[in-house]
C-alpha cells in the first residue's frame, strides 16, 4: 500500500510531516479534508500537488 502523509511546506523552512508514518493510512479524501481544515484554521491558502 502506498503511504499517504500530510505535509506542510513553510517558505524558507522546508517541508514538515504532519502525520506520522506509523499512524493509520489516510485515504486521499481524508488527506484533502485534513489539509482544508488546517488551512482554514491557519487562515492560509492551500496548494495541492
PDB file of N, CA and C in Angstrom:
ATOM      1  N   UNK A   1       0.835  -1.185   0.000  1.00  0.00           N
ATOM      2  CA  UNK A   1       0.000   0.000   0.000  1.00  0.00           C
ATOM      3  C   UNK A   1       0.882   1.253   0.000  1.00  0.00           C
ATOM      4  N   UNK A   2       0.504   2.244  -0.794  1.00  0.00           N
ATOM      5  CA  UNK A   2       1.293   3.480  -0.769  1.00  0.00           C
ATOM      6  C   UNK A   2       1.045   4.223   0.539  1.00  0.00           C
ATOM      7  N   UNK A   3       2.057   4.885   1.018  1.00  0.00           N
ATOM      8  CA  UNK A   3       1.902   5.682   2.240  1.00  0.00           C
ATOM      9  C   UNK A   3       1.389   7.057   1.866  1.00  0.00           C
ATOM     10  N   UNK A   4       0.401   7.504   2.590  1.00  0.00           N
ATOM     11  CA  UNK A   4      -0.147   8.834   2.360  1.00  0.00           C
ATOM     12  C   UNK A   4       0.134   9.656   3.598  1.00  0.00           C
ATOM     13  N   UNK A   5       0.927  10.673   3.413  1.00  0.00           N
ATOM     14  CA  UNK A   5       1.342  11.502   4.535  1.00  0.00           C
ATOM     15  C   UNK A   5       1.009  12.949   4.222  1.00  0.00           C
ATOM     16  N   UNK A   6       0.458  13.634   5.187  1.00  0.00           N
ATOM     17  CA  UNK A   6       0.134  15.046   5.043  1.00  0.00           C
ATOM     18  C   UNK A   6       1.349  15.861   5.456  1.00  0.00           C
ATOM     19  N   UNK A   7       1.795  16.742   4.555  1.00  0.00           N
ATOM     20  CA  UNK A   7       2.944  17.599   4.811  1.00  0.00           C
ATOM     21  C   UNK A   7       2.520  19.058   4.771  1.00  0.00           C
ATOM     22  N   UNK A   8       3.262  19.901   5.467  1.00  0.00           N
ATOM     23  CA  UNK A   8       3.085  21.335   5.360  1.00  0.00           C
ATOM     24  C   UNK A   8       4.429  21.915   4.936  1.00  0.00           C
ATOM     25  N   UNK A   9       4.410  22.735   3.898  1.00  0.00           N
ATOM     26  CA  UNK A   9       5.635  23.378   3.441  1.00  0.00           C
ATOM     27  C   UNK A   9       5.614  24.836   3.862  1.00  0.00           C
ATOM     28  N   UNK A  10       6.647  25.248   4.562  1.00  0.00           N
ATOM     29  CA  UNK A  10       6.770  26.626   5.023  1.00  0.00           C
ATOM     30  C   UNK A  10       7.900  27.273   4.247  1.00  0.00           C
ATOM     31  N   UNK A  11       7.599  28.392   3.627  1.00  0.00           N
ATOM     32  CA  UNK A  11       8.629  29.079   2.840  1.00  0.00           C
ATOM     33  C   UNK A  11       9.862  29.343   3.689  1.00  0.00           C
ATOM     34  N   UNK A  12      11.006  28.940   3.163  1.00  0.00           N
ATOM     35  CA  UNK A  12      12.265  29.158   3.849  1.00  0.00           C
ATOM     36  C   UNK A  12      12.567  28.172   4.964  1.00  0.00           C
ATOM     37  N   UNK A  13      11.611  27.316   5.294  1.00  0.00           N
ATOM     38  CA  UNK A  13      11.804  26.352   6.386  1.00  0.00           C
ATOM     39  C   UNK A  13      11.781  24.903   5.909  1.00  0.00           C
ATOM     40  N   UNK A  14      11.252  24.664   4.730  1.00  0.00           N
ATOM     41  CA  UNK A  14      11.192  23.296   4.222  1.00  0.00           C
ATOM     42  C   UNK A  14       9.856  22.631   4.478  1.00  0.00           C
ATOM     43  N   UNK A  15       9.867  21.309   4.392  1.00  0.00           N
ATOM     44  CA  UNK A  15       8.649  20.513   4.496  1.00  0.00           C
ATOM     45  C   UNK A  15       8.589  19.842   5.867  1.00  0.00           C
ATOM     46  N   UNK A  16       7.415  19.900   6.488  1.00  0.00           N
ATOM     47  CA  UNK A  16       7.201  19.304   7.807  1.00  0.00           C
ATOM     48  C   UNK A  16       6.103  18.250   7.681  1.00  0.00           C
ATOM     49  N   UNK A  17       6.381  16.987   8.032  1.00  0.00           N
ATOM     50  CA  UNK A  17       5.312  15.981   8.007  1.00  0.00           C
ATOM     51  C   UNK A  17       4.339  16.226   9.159  1.00  0.00           C
ATOM     52  N   UNK A  18       3.059  16.147   8.876  1.00  0.00           N
ATOM     53  CA  UNK A  18       2.039  16.374   9.902  1.00  0.00           C
ATOM     54  C   UNK A  18       1.395  15.081  10.376  1.00  0.00           C
ATOM     55  N   UNK A  19       1.630  13.996   9.670  1.00  0.00           N
ATOM     56  CA  UNK A  19       1.149  12.691  10.106  1.00  0.00           C
ATOM     57  C   UNK A  19       2.347  11.780  10.259  1.00  0.00           C
ATOM     58  N   UNK A  20       2.338  10.968  11.278  1.00  0.00           N
ATOM     59  CA  UNK A  20       3.442  10.040  11.492  1.00  0.00           C
ATOM     60  C   UNK A  20       3.317   8.869  10.531  1.00  0.00           C
ATOM     61  N   UNK A  21       4.431   8.290  10.164  1.00  0.00           N
ATOM     62  CA  UNK A  21       4.412   7.185   9.205  1.00  0.00           C
ATOM     63  C   UNK A  21       3.836   5.916   9.807  1.00  0.00           C
ATOM     64  N   UNK A  22       3.801   5.795  11.121  1.00  0.00           N
ATOM     65  CA  UNK A  22       3.244   4.586  11.731  1.00  0.00           C
ATOM     66  C   UNK A  22       1.766   4.736  12.089  1.00  0.00           C
ATOM     67  N   UNK A  23       1.185   5.899  11.803  1.00  0.00           N
ATOM     68  CA  UNK A  23      -0.254   6.079  12.005  1.00  0.00           C
ATOM     69  C   UNK A  23      -1.020   5.316  10.934  1.00  0.00           C
ATOM     70  N   UNK A  24      -2.329   5.251  11.121  1.00  0.00           N
ATOM     71  CA  UNK A  24      -3.153   4.618  10.089  1.00  0.00           C
ATOM     72  C   UNK A  24      -2.997   5.386   8.783  1.00  0.00           C
ATOM     73  N   UNK A  25      -3.190   4.695   7.703  1.00  0.00           N
ATOM     74  CA  UNK A  25      -3.073   5.335   6.402  1.00  0.00           C
ATOM     75  C   UNK A  25      -4.362   6.087   6.106  1.00  0.00           C
ATOM     76  N   UNK A  26      -4.217   7.263   5.533  1.00  0.00           N
ATOM     77  CA  UNK A  26      -5.369   8.085   5.192  1.00  0.00           C
ATOM     78  C   UNK A  26      -5.745   7.873   3.736  1.00  0.00           C
ATOM     79  N   UNK A  27      -7.028   7.972   3.443  1.00  0.00           N
ATOM     80  CA  UNK A  27      -7.471   7.948   2.055  1.00  0.00           C
ATOM     81  C   UNK A  27      -7.194   9.328   1.466  1.00  0.00           C
ATOM     82  N   UNK A  28      -7.139   9.442   0.138  1.00  0.00           N
ATOM     83  CA  UNK A  28      -6.942  10.770  -0.463  1.00  0.00           C
ATOM     84  C   UNK A  28      -7.994  11.776   0.009  1.00  0.00           C
ATOM     85  N   UNK A  29      -9.222  11.344   0.178  1.00  0.00           N
ATOM     86  CA  UNK A  29     -10.296  12.239   0.637  1.00  0.00           C
ATOM     87  C   UNK A  29     -10.029  12.731   2.060  1.00  0.00           C
ATOM     88  N   UNK A  30      -9.572  11.831   2.933  1.00  0.00           N
ATOM     89  CA  UNK A  30      -9.273  12.218   4.314  1.00  0.00           C
ATOM     90  C   UNK A  30      -8.113  13.210   4.367  1.00  0.00           C
ATOM     91  N   UNK A  31      -7.102  12.991   3.539  1.00  0.00           N
ATOM     92  CA  UNK A  31      -5.966  13.910   3.489  1.00  0.00           C
ATOM     93  C   UNK A  31      -6.428  15.282   3.020  1.00  0.00           C
ATOM     94  N   UNK A  32      -7.263  15.301   1.981  1.00  0.00           N
ATOM     95  CA  UNK A  32      -7.791  16.569   1.466  1.00  0.00           C
ATOM     96  C   UNK A  32      -8.581  17.305   2.544  1.00  0.00           C
ATOM     97  N   UNK A  33      -9.406  16.586   3.285  1.00  0.00           N
ATOM     98  CA  UNK A  33     -10.221  17.194   4.340  1.00  0.00           C
ATOM     99  C   UNK A  33      -9.346  17.759   5.454  1.00  0.00           C
ATOM    100  N   UNK A  34      -8.356  17.004   5.890  1.00  0.00           N
ATOM    101  CA  UNK A  34      -7.474  17.474   6.962  1.00  0.00           C
ATOM    102  C   UNK A  34      -6.661  18.685   6.519  1.00  0.00           C
ATOM    103  N   UNK A  35      -6.199  18.681   5.281  1.00  0.00           N
ATOM    104  CA  UNK A  35      -5.446  19.822   4.759  1.00  0.00           C
ATOM    105  C   UNK A  35      -6.330  21.063   4.700  1.00  0.00           C
ATOM    106  N   UNK A  36      -7.575  20.895   4.265  1.00  0.00           N
ATOM    107  CA  UNK A  36      -8.504  22.025   4.195  1.00  0.00           C
ATOM    108  C   UNK A  36      -8.800  22.579   5.584  1.00  0.00           C
ATOM    109  N   UNK A  37      -8.991  21.697   6.562  1.00  0.00           N
ATOM    110  CA  UNK A  37      -9.248  22.141   7.932  1.00  0.00           C
ATOM    111  C   UNK A  37      -8.053  22.913   8.493  1.00  0.00           C
ATOM    112  N   UNK A  38      -6.855  22.408   8.252  1.00  0.00           N
ATOM    113  CA  UNK A  38      -5.655  23.072   8.751  1.00  0.00           C
ATOM    114  C   UNK A  38      -5.469  24.435   8.092  1.00  0.00           C
ATOM    115  N   UNK A  39      -5.653  24.501   6.777  1.00  0.00           N
ATOM    116  CA  UNK A  39      -5.511  25.773   6.060  1.00  0.00           C
ATOM    117  C   UNK A  39      -6.540  26.787   6.563  1.00  0.00           C
ATOM    118  N   UNK A  40      -7.762  26.339   6.794  1.00  0.00           N
ATOM    119  CA  UNK A  40      -8.803  27.225   7.316  1.00  0.00           C
ATOM    120  C   UNK A  40      -8.421  27.743   8.702  1.00  0.00           C
ATOM    121  N   UNK A  41      -7.955  26.844   9.571  1.00  0.00           N
ATOM    122  CA  UNK A  41      -7.557  27.220  10.925  1.00  0.00           C
ATOM    123  C   UNK A  41      -6.409  28.227  10.913  1.00  0.00           C
ATOM    124  N   UNK A  42      -5.429  28.004  10.035  1.00  0.00           N
ATOM    125  CA  UNK A  42      -4.265  28.885   9.961  1.00  0.00           C
ATOM    126  C   UNK A  42      -4.513  30.127   9.107  1.00  0.00           C
ATOM    127  N   UNK A  43      -5.660  30.131   8.420  1.00  0.00           N
ATOM    128  CA  UNK A  43      -6.014  31.238   7.520  1.00  0.00           C
ATOM    129  C   UNK A  43      -4.945  31.465   6.460  1.00  0.00           C
ATOM    130  N   UNK A  44      -4.583  30.354   5.815  1.00  0.00           N
ATOM    131  CA  UNK A  44      -3.599  30.390   4.731  1.00  0.00           C
ATOM    132  C   UNK A  44      -4.194  29.687   3.518  1.00  0.00           C
ATOM    133  N   UNK A  45      -3.740  30.053   2.314  1.00  0.00           N
ATOM    134  CA  UNK A  45      -4.217  29.349   1.126  1.00  0.00           C
ATOM    135  C   UNK A  45      -3.660  27.929   1.096  1.00  0.00           C
ATOM    136  N   UNK A  46      -4.350  27.072   0.383  1.00  0.00           N
ATOM    137  CA  UNK A  46      -3.923  25.684   0.271  1.00  0.00           C
ATOM    138  C   UNK A  46      -3.507  25.402  -1.166  1.00  0.00           C
ATOM    139  N   UNK A  47      -2.444  24.649  -1.324  1.00  0.00           N
ATOM    140  CA  UNK A  47      -1.994  24.188  -2.637  1.00  0.00           C
ATOM    141  C   UNK A  47      -1.906  22.677  -2.586  1.00  0.00           C
ATOM    142  N   UNK A  48      -2.420  22.029  -3.584  1.00  0.00           N
ATOM    143  CA  UNK A  48      -2.338  20.573  -3.674  1.00  0.00           C
ATOM    144  C   UNK A  48      -1.484  20.232  -4.868  1.00  0.00           C
ATOM    145  N   UNK A  49      -0.472  19.402  -4.642  1.00  0.00           N
ATOM    146  CA  UNK A  49       0.385  18.958  -5.749  1.00  0.00           C
ATOM    147  C   UNK A  49       0.885  17.577  -5.493  1.00  0.00           C
TER     148      UNK A  49
END
